[in-house]
Amino acid sequence: MERPKIAIIDPNTLATIGLKQLLQTVLPIMTVDVFGSMTEFEANHPEEYFHYFVATNIVLSNRQFFTAHRHKTIVLTLSLEGGSQLSEFHSICINMPEQELVRSLLHLQQHAHPHGKNLPPMPKALQQKVLSDREIEVMALIVQGYINKEIADKLNIGLSTVITHRKNIMDKLGMKSVSALTIYAVMHGYVDINKI
């Protein structure tokens, strides 16, 4: 079965590269394609896409198309204020720190697809339990914003043990940032999104 697809339609190349990376981390079962213009997007079978992440100016200049596909459209805004002209669409502000953007994407995903509703199942490799119970405890505290010393105190373990667990978690999951770890923890149900 072909993986479901998400389209990003935005002429800002740097922004789309970052958003594509985040979306592939939040939804690893999806293929993410990037288009710099509406013309390019329309030439590539837009009906095949599960969701459209679209720059505000492109939505405004192609309002009829996106209104007809409102349930698939997520407008990329630079501010959450003054968006009343696009209030009929789901929006996400891309002008925020990475951790907040990750949280917004996770909220959007959980609102639209609670418990994986309307999404294909995760591949078996992504469903397997990779971490030990203690590593899961440490990971949960990391993504909730606790520093190593606080984690050591909470779990009644040594600081060097926390550092070792932290390194092992990142190595086992192949992750390099707390944002990626946060996505993993929330998507696998180890941490409630409201606690991050």
N, C-alpha and C. Protein backbone atom coordinates (compact mmCIF):
# COMPACT_ATOMS: atom_id res chain seq x y z
N MET A 1 0.83 -1.18 0.00
CA MET A 1 0.00 0.00 0.00
C MET A 1 0.88 1.25 0.00
N GLU A 2 0.53 2.22 -0.83
CA GLU A 2 1.29 3.45 -0.91
C GLU A 2 1.05 4.30 0.33
N ARG A 3 2.10 4.95 0.81
CA ARG A 3 1.96 5.79 1.99
C ARG A 3 1.12 7.02 1.68
N PRO A 4 0.25 7.45 2.62
CA PRO A 4 -0.52 8.67 2.40
C PRO A 4 0.41 9.87 2.25
N LYS A 5 -0.07 10.90 1.57
CA LYS A 5 0.80 12.03 1.25
C LYS A 5 0.27 13.33 1.83
N ILE A 6 1.20 14.19 2.22
CA ILE A 6 0.91 15.55 2.67
C ILE A 6 1.62 16.49 1.71
N ALA A 7 0.96 17.59 1.36
CA ALA A 7 1.58 18.60 0.51
C ALA A 7 1.84 19.87 1.31
N ILE A 8 3.02 20.45 1.10
CA ILE A 8 3.32 21.77 1.63
C ILE A 8 3.41 22.68 0.42
N ILE A 9 2.59 23.74 0.40
CA ILE A 9 2.60 24.68 -0.71
C ILE A 9 3.00 26.04 -0.15
N ASP A 10 4.25 26.41 -0.40
CA ASP A 10 4.80 27.64 0.17
C ASP A 10 6.07 27.99 -0.62
N PRO A 11 6.21 29.24 -1.08
CA PRO A 11 7.40 29.61 -1.84
C PRO A 11 8.66 29.77 -0.98
N ASN A 12 8.52 29.79 0.35
CA ASN A 12 9.66 29.97 1.25
C ASN A 12 10.38 28.63 1.44
N THR A 13 11.45 28.42 0.72
CA THR A 13 12.16 27.15 0.72
C THR A 13 12.69 26.76 2.10
N LEU A 14 13.29 27.70 2.81
CA LEU A 14 13.84 27.37 4.13
C LEU A 14 12.75 26.94 5.10
N ALA A 15 11.63 27.64 5.08
CA ALA A 15 10.53 27.29 5.98
C ALA A 15 9.98 25.91 5.63
N THR A 16 9.87 25.61 4.36
CA THR A 16 9.29 24.31 3.96
C THR A 16 10.22 23.15 4.30
N ILE A 17 11.52 23.38 4.22
CA ILE A 17 12.47 22.31 4.59
C ILE A 17 12.29 21.94 6.06
N GLY A 18 12.21 22.94 6.92
CA GLY A 18 12.02 22.69 8.35
C GLY A 18 10.69 22.05 8.65
N LEU A 19 9.63 22.55 8.03
CA LEU A 19 8.29 22.00 8.27
C LEU A 19 8.21 20.57 7.77
N LYS A 20 8.81 20.29 6.63
CA LYS A 20 8.81 18.93 6.10
C LYS A 20 9.47 17.97 7.09
N GLN A 21 10.61 18.38 7.64
CA GLN A 21 11.31 17.54 8.62
C GLN A 21 10.44 17.28 9.84
N LEU A 22 9.79 18.32 10.37
CA LEU A 22 8.92 18.15 11.54
C LEU A 22 7.73 17.24 11.22
N LEU A 23 7.10 17.44 10.08
CA LEU A 23 5.95 16.61 9.71
C LEU A 23 6.34 15.15 9.55
N GLN A 24 7.51 14.91 8.97
CA GLN A 24 7.95 13.52 8.81
C GLN A 24 8.26 12.88 10.15
N THR A 25 8.62 13.69 11.14
CA THR A 25 8.86 13.16 12.47
C THR A 25 7.54 12.92 13.20
N VAL A 26 6.60 13.87 13.08
CA VAL A 26 5.29 13.73 13.73
C VAL A 26 4.48 12.60 13.11
N LEU A 27 4.53 12.50 11.79
CA LEU A 27 3.75 11.49 11.06
C LEU A 27 4.68 10.66 10.17
N PRO A 28 5.46 9.76 10.74
CA PRO A 28 6.45 9.02 9.94
C PRO A 28 5.83 8.10 8.89
N ILE A 29 4.52 7.88 8.95
CA ILE A 29 3.87 7.03 7.96
C ILE A 29 3.49 7.81 6.72
N MET A 30 3.68 9.12 6.72
CA MET A 30 3.28 9.97 5.60
C MET A 30 4.48 10.32 4.72
N THR A 31 4.18 10.54 3.45
CA THR A 31 5.15 11.10 2.52
C THR A 31 4.85 12.59 2.44
N VAL A 32 5.86 13.44 2.53
CA VAL A 32 5.65 14.89 2.48
C VAL A 32 6.29 15.43 1.21
N ASP A 33 5.47 16.07 0.36
CA ASP A 33 5.97 16.69 -0.86
C ASP A 33 5.87 18.20 -0.73
N VAL A 34 6.82 18.92 -1.31
CA VAL A 34 6.88 20.37 -1.20
C VAL A 34 6.70 20.99 -2.58
N PHE A 35 5.86 22.04 -2.64
CA PHE A 35 5.59 22.76 -3.88
C PHE A 35 5.78 24.25 -3.63
N GLY A 36 6.48 24.92 -4.55
CA GLY A 36 6.76 26.34 -4.39
C GLY A 36 5.65 27.24 -4.88
N SER A 37 4.69 26.68 -5.61
CA SER A 37 3.60 27.50 -6.14
C SER A 37 2.34 26.66 -6.31
N MET A 38 1.22 27.33 -6.48
CA MET A 38 -0.05 26.64 -6.69
C MET A 38 -0.04 25.93 -8.04
N THR A 39 0.59 26.54 -9.03
CA THR A 39 0.66 25.93 -10.36
C THR A 39 1.39 24.60 -10.30
N GLU A 40 2.51 24.59 -9.59
CA GLU A 40 3.29 23.36 -9.43
C GLU A 40 2.47 22.29 -8.69
N PHE A 41 1.76 22.71 -7.65
CA PHE A 41 0.93 21.80 -6.87
C PHE A 41 -0.19 21.21 -7.73
N GLU A 42 -0.90 22.05 -8.48
CA GLU A 42 -2.03 21.59 -9.31
C GLU A 42 -1.57 20.63 -10.40
N ALA A 43 -0.32 20.72 -10.82
CA ALA A 43 0.21 19.83 -11.86
C ALA A 43 0.55 18.44 -11.31
N ASN A 44 0.42 18.25 -9.99
CA ASN A 44 0.83 17.00 -9.35
C ASN A 44 -0.30 16.30 -8.61
N HIS A 45 -1.46 16.26 -9.20
CA HIS A 45 -2.62 15.52 -8.67
C HIS A 45 -2.97 15.89 -7.23
N PRO A 46 -3.46 17.12 -6.99
CA PRO A 46 -3.75 17.56 -5.63
C PRO A 46 -4.76 16.69 -4.89
N GLU A 47 -5.62 16.00 -5.62
CA GLU A 47 -6.63 15.14 -4.97
C GLU A 47 -6.01 13.95 -4.25
N GLU A 48 -4.76 13.62 -4.55
CA GLU A 48 -4.09 12.48 -3.93
C GLU A 48 -3.56 12.78 -2.53
N TYR A 49 -3.60 14.06 -2.13
CA TYR A 49 -3.00 14.46 -0.86
C TYR A 49 -4.01 14.42 0.28
N PHE A 50 -3.55 13.94 1.41
CA PHE A 50 -4.33 13.77 2.63
C PHE A 50 -4.59 15.13 3.28
N HIS A 51 -3.53 15.97 3.35
CA HIS A 51 -3.61 17.32 3.91
C HIS A 51 -2.76 18.25 3.08
N TYR A 52 -3.16 19.55 3.11
CA TYR A 52 -2.39 20.61 2.47
C TYR A 52 -1.96 21.59 3.55
N PHE A 53 -0.65 21.81 3.70
CA PHE A 53 -0.13 22.86 4.57
C PHE A 53 0.24 24.01 3.63
N VAL A 54 -0.47 25.14 3.73
CA VAL A 54 -0.40 26.16 2.70
C VAL A 54 -0.12 27.55 3.27
N ALA A 55 0.78 28.28 2.60
CA ALA A 55 1.08 29.66 2.99
C ALA A 55 -0.19 30.50 2.85
N THR A 56 -0.35 31.46 3.74
CA THR A 56 -1.55 32.31 3.77
C THR A 56 -1.81 32.97 2.42
N ASN A 57 -0.78 33.56 1.80
CA ASN A 57 -0.98 34.27 0.53
C ASN A 57 -1.48 33.34 -0.58
N ILE A 58 -1.06 32.08 -0.56
CA ILE A 58 -1.52 31.13 -1.58
C ILE A 58 -2.99 30.76 -1.33
N VAL A 59 -3.37 30.61 -0.06
CA VAL A 59 -4.78 30.34 0.24
C VAL A 59 -5.64 31.51 -0.20
N LEU A 60 -5.20 32.73 0.10
CA LEU A 60 -5.99 33.92 -0.26
C LEU A 60 -6.15 34.07 -1.77
N SER A 61 -5.10 33.77 -2.53
CA SER A 61 -5.20 33.92 -3.99
C SER A 61 -5.85 32.72 -4.67
N ASN A 62 -6.09 31.64 -3.93
CA ASN A 62 -6.74 30.44 -4.48
C ASN A 62 -7.85 29.98 -3.54
N ARG A 63 -8.56 30.95 -3.00
CA ARG A 63 -9.55 30.70 -1.95
C ARG A 63 -10.60 29.67 -2.35
N GLN A 64 -11.07 29.73 -3.58
CA GLN A 64 -12.13 28.82 -4.03
C GLN A 64 -11.67 27.35 -3.91
N PHE A 65 -10.46 27.07 -4.37
CA PHE A 65 -9.94 25.70 -4.29
C PHE A 65 -9.85 25.25 -2.83
N PHE A 66 -9.24 26.07 -1.98
CA PHE A 66 -9.00 25.66 -0.59
C PHE A 66 -10.29 25.64 0.24
N THR A 67 -11.24 26.50 -0.08
CA THR A 67 -12.53 26.44 0.62
C THR A 67 -13.22 25.12 0.31
N ALA A 68 -13.12 24.68 -0.93
CA ALA A 68 -13.72 23.40 -1.32
C ALA A 68 -13.01 22.22 -0.64
N HIS A 69 -11.79 22.43 -0.20
CA HIS A 69 -10.99 21.39 0.47
C HIS A 69 -10.64 21.82 1.89
N ARG A 70 -11.55 22.51 2.54
CA ARG A 70 -11.33 23.08 3.87
C ARG A 70 -10.87 22.02 4.88
N HIS A 71 -11.46 20.83 4.85
CA HIS A 71 -11.11 19.78 5.81
C HIS A 71 -9.68 19.26 5.63
N LYS A 72 -9.08 19.50 4.47
CA LYS A 72 -7.71 19.05 4.22
C LYS A 72 -6.69 20.16 4.42
N THR A 73 -7.14 21.41 4.54
CA THR A 73 -6.26 22.57 4.49
C THR A 73 -5.85 23.07 5.87
N ILE A 74 -4.55 23.26 6.05
CA ILE A 74 -4.00 23.89 7.25
C ILE A 74 -3.21 25.10 6.77
N VAL A 75 -3.64 26.29 7.20
CA VAL A 75 -3.01 27.53 6.76
C VAL A 75 -1.79 27.83 7.63
N LEU A 76 -0.67 28.12 6.98
CA LEU A 76 0.57 28.47 7.67
C LEU A 76 0.60 29.98 7.85
N THR A 77 0.48 30.45 9.09
CA THR A 77 0.44 31.88 9.37
C THR A 77 1.71 32.31 10.09
N LEU A 78 1.97 33.61 10.06
CA LEU A 78 3.11 34.16 10.79
C LEU A 78 2.68 34.68 12.14
N SER A 79 1.37 34.77 12.36
CA SER A 79 0.83 35.25 13.62
C SER A 79 -0.55 34.67 13.81
N LEU A 80 -0.94 34.45 15.05
CA LEU A 80 -2.28 33.95 15.31
C LEU A 80 -3.28 35.09 15.42
N GLU A 81 -2.78 36.33 15.41
CA GLU A 81 -3.65 37.50 15.48
C GLU A 81 -4.00 37.95 14.07
N GLY A 82 -5.15 38.54 13.91
CA GLY A 82 -5.56 39.08 12.63
C GLY A 82 -5.88 38.03 11.59
N GLY A 83 -6.17 36.80 12.02
CA GLY A 83 -6.46 35.73 11.08
C GLY A 83 -7.93 35.54 10.82
N SER A 84 -8.74 36.56 11.14
CA SER A 84 -10.19 36.40 11.01
C SER A 84 -10.63 36.14 9.57
N GLN A 85 -9.88 36.64 8.61
CA GLN A 85 -10.25 36.40 7.21
C GLN A 85 -10.07 34.94 6.81
N LEU A 86 -9.32 34.18 7.62
CA LEU A 86 -9.11 32.76 7.34
C LEU A 86 -9.64 31.88 8.47
N SER A 87 -10.59 32.41 9.24
CA SER A 87 -11.08 31.71 10.42
C SER A 87 -11.78 30.39 10.10
N GLU A 88 -12.22 30.22 8.85
CA GLU A 88 -12.89 28.95 8.50
C GLU A 88 -11.91 27.79 8.34
N PHE A 89 -10.61 28.08 8.32
CA PHE A 89 -9.59 27.06 8.14
C PHE A 89 -8.86 26.77 9.45
N HIS A 90 -8.29 25.56 9.54
CA HIS A 90 -7.34 25.28 10.62
C HIS A 90 -6.08 26.05 10.29
N SER A 91 -5.46 26.63 11.30
CA SER A 91 -4.24 27.40 11.09
C SER A 91 -3.17 26.95 12.06
N ILE A 92 -1.93 27.17 11.65
CA ILE A 92 -0.81 26.91 12.54
C ILE A 92 0.20 28.03 12.33
N CYS A 93 0.63 28.64 13.43
CA CYS A 93 1.61 29.71 13.36
C CYS A 93 2.99 29.10 13.26
N ILE A 94 3.72 29.48 12.22
CA ILE A 94 5.06 28.91 12.01
C ILE A 94 6.15 29.84 12.54
N ASN A 95 5.75 30.98 13.08
CA ASN A 95 6.70 31.96 13.59
C ASN A 95 6.79 31.85 15.11
N MET A 96 7.28 30.70 15.58
CA MET A 96 7.40 30.45 17.02
C MET A 96 8.59 29.53 17.25
N PRO A 97 9.04 29.44 18.50
CA PRO A 97 10.16 28.53 18.80
C PRO A 97 9.81 27.09 18.44
N GLU A 98 10.84 26.31 18.13
CA GLU A 98 10.65 24.93 17.66
C GLU A 98 9.78 24.10 18.60
N GLN A 99 10.03 24.19 19.90
CA GLN A 99 9.28 23.37 20.86
C GLN A 99 7.78 23.70 20.80
N GLU A 100 7.44 24.98 20.65
CA GLU A 100 6.03 25.38 20.57
C GLU A 100 5.41 24.93 19.24
N LEU A 101 6.18 25.01 18.16
CA LEU A 101 5.68 24.56 16.87
C LEU A 101 5.41 23.06 16.89
N VAL A 102 6.33 22.30 17.48
CA VAL A 102 6.14 20.85 17.63
C VAL A 102 4.86 20.58 18.41
N ARG A 103 4.68 21.31 19.51
CA ARG A 103 3.48 21.13 20.33
C ARG A 103 2.21 21.44 19.52
N SER A 104 2.24 22.52 18.73
CA SER A 104 1.09 22.88 17.89
C SER A 104 0.78 21.79 16.87
N LEU A 105 1.83 21.25 16.24
CA LEU A 105 1.63 20.17 15.26
C LEU A 105 1.05 18.93 15.94
N LEU A 106 1.55 18.61 17.13
CA LEU A 106 1.03 17.45 17.85
C LEU A 106 -0.43 17.65 18.26
N HIS A 107 -0.75 18.87 18.71
CA HIS A 107 -2.15 19.17 19.06
C HIS A 107 -3.04 19.02 17.83
N LEU A 108 -2.58 19.56 16.71
CA LEU A 108 -3.35 19.47 15.46
C LEU A 108 -3.55 18.02 15.05
N GLN A 109 -2.49 17.22 15.13
CA GLN A 109 -2.57 15.81 14.76
C GLN A 109 -3.52 15.06 15.68
N GLN A 110 -3.41 15.32 16.99
CA GLN A 110 -4.27 14.61 17.94
C GLN A 110 -5.72 15.05 17.84
N HIS A 111 -5.95 16.31 17.47
CA HIS A 111 -7.33 16.79 17.30
C HIS A 111 -7.95 16.17 16.05
N ALA A 112 -7.19 16.16 14.97
CA ALA A 112 -7.72 15.65 13.69
C ALA A 112 -7.78 14.13 13.64
N HIS A 113 -6.82 13.48 14.29
CA HIS A 113 -6.71 12.02 14.19
C HIS A 113 -6.49 11.39 15.57
N PRO A 114 -7.46 11.54 16.49
CA PRO A 114 -7.25 10.95 17.82
C PRO A 114 -7.09 9.43 17.72
N HIS A 115 -6.10 8.92 18.42
CA HIS A 115 -5.81 7.47 18.45
C HIS A 115 -5.59 6.91 17.04
N GLY A 116 -5.02 7.74 16.13
CA GLY A 116 -4.71 7.27 14.78
C GLY A 116 -5.90 7.16 13.85
N LYS A 117 -7.05 7.73 14.24
CA LYS A 117 -8.27 7.66 13.42
C LYS A 117 -7.98 8.20 12.01
N ASN A 118 -8.43 7.50 11.02
CA ASN A 118 -8.29 7.85 9.60
C ASN A 118 -6.84 7.80 9.10
N LEU A 119 -5.95 7.24 9.89
CA LEU A 119 -4.56 7.08 9.45
C LEU A 119 -4.25 5.60 9.31
N PRO A 120 -3.35 5.25 8.39
CA PRO A 120 -2.95 3.84 8.31
C PRO A 120 -2.16 3.46 9.55
N PRO A 121 -2.09 2.18 9.87
CA PRO A 121 -1.33 1.77 11.07
C PRO A 121 0.16 2.07 10.91
N MET A 122 0.80 2.31 12.04
CA MET A 122 2.24 2.54 12.04
C MET A 122 2.94 1.25 11.64
N PRO A 123 4.06 1.34 10.92
CA PRO A 123 4.81 0.13 10.60
C PRO A 123 5.24 -0.57 11.89
N LYS A 124 5.36 -1.89 11.82
CA LYS A 124 5.72 -2.68 13.01
C LYS A 124 7.01 -2.20 13.67
N ALA A 125 7.97 -1.77 12.87
CA ALA A 125 9.24 -1.30 13.42
C ALA A 125 9.04 -0.08 14.31
N LEU A 126 8.05 0.76 13.99
CA LEU A 126 7.80 1.95 14.80
C LEU A 126 6.92 1.65 16.01
N GLN A 127 6.27 0.47 16.02
CA GLN A 127 5.40 0.10 17.13
C GLN A 127 6.15 -0.63 18.25
N GLN A 128 7.31 -1.16 17.94
CA GLN A 128 8.05 -1.96 18.92
C GLN A 128 8.53 -1.11 20.08
N LYS A 129 8.55 -1.71 21.25
CA LYS A 129 9.09 -1.03 22.43
C LYS A 129 10.61 -1.14 22.36
N VAL A 130 11.25 0.01 22.23
CA VAL A 130 12.69 0.07 22.04
C VAL A 130 13.40 0.37 23.36
N LEU A 131 12.76 1.12 24.22
CA LEU A 131 13.38 1.60 25.45
C LEU A 131 12.98 0.75 26.65
N SER A 132 13.87 0.71 27.63
CA SER A 132 13.55 0.03 28.90
C SER A 132 12.56 0.90 29.68
N ASP A 133 11.95 0.32 30.71
CA ASP A 133 11.00 1.08 31.53
C ASP A 133 11.67 2.31 32.15
N ARG A 134 12.89 2.16 32.64
CA ARG A 134 13.60 3.28 33.26
C ARG A 134 13.91 4.35 32.23
N GLU A 135 14.30 3.95 31.02
CA GLU A 135 14.57 4.92 29.96
C GLU A 135 13.31 5.69 29.59
N ILE A 136 12.18 5.01 29.61
CA ILE A 136 10.90 5.68 29.33
C ILE A 136 10.60 6.71 30.41
N GLU A 137 10.87 6.36 31.68
CA GLU A 137 10.68 7.33 32.77
C GLU A 137 11.57 8.55 32.58
N VAL A 138 12.82 8.32 32.25
CA VAL A 138 13.77 9.42 32.03
C VAL A 138 13.32 10.26 30.84
N MET A 139 12.95 9.62 29.74
CA MET A 139 12.50 10.34 28.55
C MET A 139 11.29 11.22 28.88
N ALA A 140 10.33 10.68 29.61
CA ALA A 140 9.12 11.43 29.96
C ALA A 140 9.47 12.69 30.73
N LEU A 141 10.43 12.60 31.63
CA LEU A 141 10.83 13.77 32.41
C LEU A 141 11.62 14.76 31.56
N ILE A 142 12.43 14.27 30.63
CA ILE A 142 13.18 15.15 29.73
C ILE A 142 12.21 16.01 28.92
N VAL A 143 11.22 15.36 28.32
CA VAL A 143 10.32 16.11 27.43
C VAL A 143 9.37 17.02 28.21
N GLN A 144 9.25 16.77 29.52
CA GLN A 144 8.46 17.67 30.35
C GLN A 144 9.28 18.86 30.84
N GLY A 145 10.56 18.91 30.45
CA GLY A 145 11.38 20.07 30.72
C GLY A 145 12.27 19.98 31.94
N TYR A 146 12.37 18.82 32.54
CA TYR A 146 13.23 18.68 33.71
C TYR A 146 14.69 18.58 33.28
N ILE A 147 15.57 19.18 34.08
CA ILE A 147 17.00 19.08 33.80
C ILE A 147 17.53 17.81 34.46
N ASN A 148 18.75 17.41 34.09
CA ASN A 148 19.33 16.15 34.57
C ASN A 148 19.30 16.02 36.09
N LYS A 149 19.69 17.06 36.81
CA LYS A 149 19.73 17.02 38.28
C LYS A 149 18.32 16.77 38.84
N GLU A 150 17.31 17.44 38.28
CA GLU A 150 15.93 17.25 38.75
C GLU A 150 15.45 15.82 38.47
N ILE A 151 15.84 15.28 37.32
CA ILE A 151 15.46 13.90 36.97
C ILE A 151 16.10 12.93 37.97
N ALA A 152 17.37 13.15 38.26
CA ALA A 152 18.08 12.29 39.22
C ALA A 152 17.37 12.33 40.58
N ASP A 153 17.00 13.52 41.03
CA ASP A 153 16.31 13.65 42.32
C ASP A 153 14.94 12.98 42.30
N LYS A 154 14.18 13.19 41.23
CA LYS A 154 12.83 12.61 41.12
C LYS A 154 12.85 11.09 41.11
N LEU A 155 13.84 10.52 40.40
CA LEU A 155 13.91 9.06 40.25
C LEU A 155 14.83 8.41 41.29
N ASN A 156 15.45 9.26 42.12
CA ASN A 156 16.33 8.76 43.17
C ASN A 156 17.49 7.93 42.60
N ILE A 157 18.10 8.48 41.54
CA ILE A 157 19.25 7.85 40.90
C ILE A 157 20.36 8.89 40.77
N GLY A 158 21.55 8.45 40.44
CA GLY A 158 22.68 9.36 40.30
C GLY A 158 22.62 10.19 39.03
N LEU A 159 23.25 11.35 39.08
CA LEU A 159 23.30 12.24 37.92
C LEU A 159 23.97 11.56 36.73
N SER A 160 25.06 10.82 36.96
CA SER A 160 25.75 10.14 35.85
C SER A 160 24.85 9.06 35.23
N THR A 161 23.98 8.45 36.05
CA THR A 161 23.04 7.45 35.52
C THR A 161 22.04 8.12 34.59
N VAL A 162 21.56 9.30 34.98
CA VAL A 162 20.62 10.05 34.13
C VAL A 162 21.29 10.38 32.80
N ILE A 163 22.52 10.85 32.86
CA ILE A 163 23.25 11.21 31.63
C ILE A 163 23.43 9.98 30.74
N THR A 164 23.75 8.84 31.35
CA THR A 164 23.90 7.60 30.58
C THR A 164 22.57 7.20 29.94
N HIS A 165 21.48 7.26 30.71
CA HIS A 165 20.15 6.94 30.15
C HIS A 165 19.82 7.88 28.99
N ARG A 166 20.08 9.15 29.19
CA ARG A 166 19.78 10.15 28.15
C ARG A 166 20.52 9.83 26.86
N LYS A 167 21.80 9.50 26.98
CA LYS A 167 22.59 9.15 25.79
C LYS A 167 22.06 7.88 25.14
N ASN A 168 21.74 6.87 25.95
CA ASN A 168 21.21 5.61 25.41
C ASN A 168 19.87 5.82 24.70
N ILE A 169 19.01 6.66 25.27
CA ILE A 169 17.71 6.94 24.65
C ILE A 169 17.92 7.55 23.27
N MET A 170 18.76 8.57 23.20
CA MET A 170 19.00 9.25 21.91
C MET A 170 19.63 8.29 20.90
N ASP A 171 20.57 7.46 21.37
CA ASP A 171 21.22 6.49 20.46
C ASP A 171 20.21 5.45 19.96
N LYS A 172 19.43 4.88 20.87
CA LYS A 172 18.47 3.84 20.48
C LYS A 172 17.43 4.37 19.49
N LEU A 173 16.99 5.60 19.71
CA LEU A 173 15.95 6.17 18.85
C LEU A 173 16.52 6.90 17.64
N GLY A 174 17.82 7.10 17.62
CA GLY A 174 18.45 7.80 16.50
C GLY A 174 18.03 9.26 16.43
N MET A 175 17.84 9.89 17.57
CA MET A 175 17.38 11.28 17.61
C MET A 175 18.48 12.18 18.13
N LYS A 176 18.40 13.44 17.69
CA LYS A 176 19.44 14.38 18.06
C LYS A 176 18.90 15.59 18.82
N SER A 177 17.58 15.70 18.97
CA SER A 177 17.02 16.88 19.63
C SER A 177 15.90 16.50 20.59
N VAL A 178 15.67 17.39 21.55
CA VAL A 178 14.58 17.19 22.50
C VAL A 178 13.23 17.30 21.77
N SER A 179 13.16 18.12 20.72
CA SER A 179 11.91 18.24 19.95
C SER A 179 11.53 16.90 19.33
N ALA A 180 12.50 16.23 18.73
CA ALA A 180 12.22 14.91 18.13
C ALA A 180 11.84 13.91 19.22
N LEU A 181 12.49 13.99 20.36
CA LEU A 181 12.18 13.11 21.48
C LEU A 181 10.76 13.38 22.00
N THR A 182 10.38 14.66 22.03
CA THR A 182 9.03 15.03 22.46
C THR A 182 7.99 14.43 21.54
N ILE A 183 8.22 14.53 20.25
CA ILE A 183 7.28 13.96 19.27
C ILE A 183 7.15 12.46 19.49
N TYR A 184 8.27 11.80 19.64
CA TYR A 184 8.26 10.35 19.86
C TYR A 184 7.46 10.01 21.12
N ALA A 185 7.75 10.72 22.21
CA ALA A 185 7.10 10.42 23.49
C ALA A 185 5.59 10.63 23.42
N VAL A 186 5.15 11.69 22.79
CA VAL A 186 3.71 11.96 22.69
C VAL A 186 3.03 10.98 21.74
N MET A 187 3.65 10.73 20.59
CA MET A 187 3.04 9.85 19.58
C MET A 187 2.95 8.41 20.07
N HIS A 188 3.83 8.01 20.99
CA HIS A 188 3.78 6.64 21.52
C HIS A 188 3.03 6.55 22.84
N GLY A 189 2.44 7.66 23.26
CA GLY A 189 1.61 7.66 24.46
C GLY A 189 2.37 7.64 25.77
N TYR A 190 3.67 7.95 25.75
CA TYR A 190 4.45 7.96 26.98
C TYR A 190 4.25 9.23 27.79
N VAL A 191 3.85 10.32 27.12
CA VAL A 191 3.64 11.61 27.78
C VAL A 191 2.38 12.24 27.21
N ASP A 192 1.56 12.78 28.09
CA ASP A 192 0.37 13.52 27.68
C ASP A 192 0.83 14.87 27.12
N ILE A 193 0.31 15.27 25.99
CA ILE A 193 0.74 16.52 25.36
C ILE A 193 0.51 17.72 26.26
N ASN A 194 -0.46 17.65 27.14
CA ASN A 194 -0.73 18.77 28.04
C ASN A 194 0.31 18.92 29.14
N LYS A 195 1.22 17.96 29.26
CA LYS A 195 2.27 18.05 30.28
C LYS A 195 3.59 18.58 29.74
N ILE A 196 3.61 18.91 28.44
CA ILE A 196 4.86 19.45 27.88
C ILE A 196 4.74 20.93 27.63
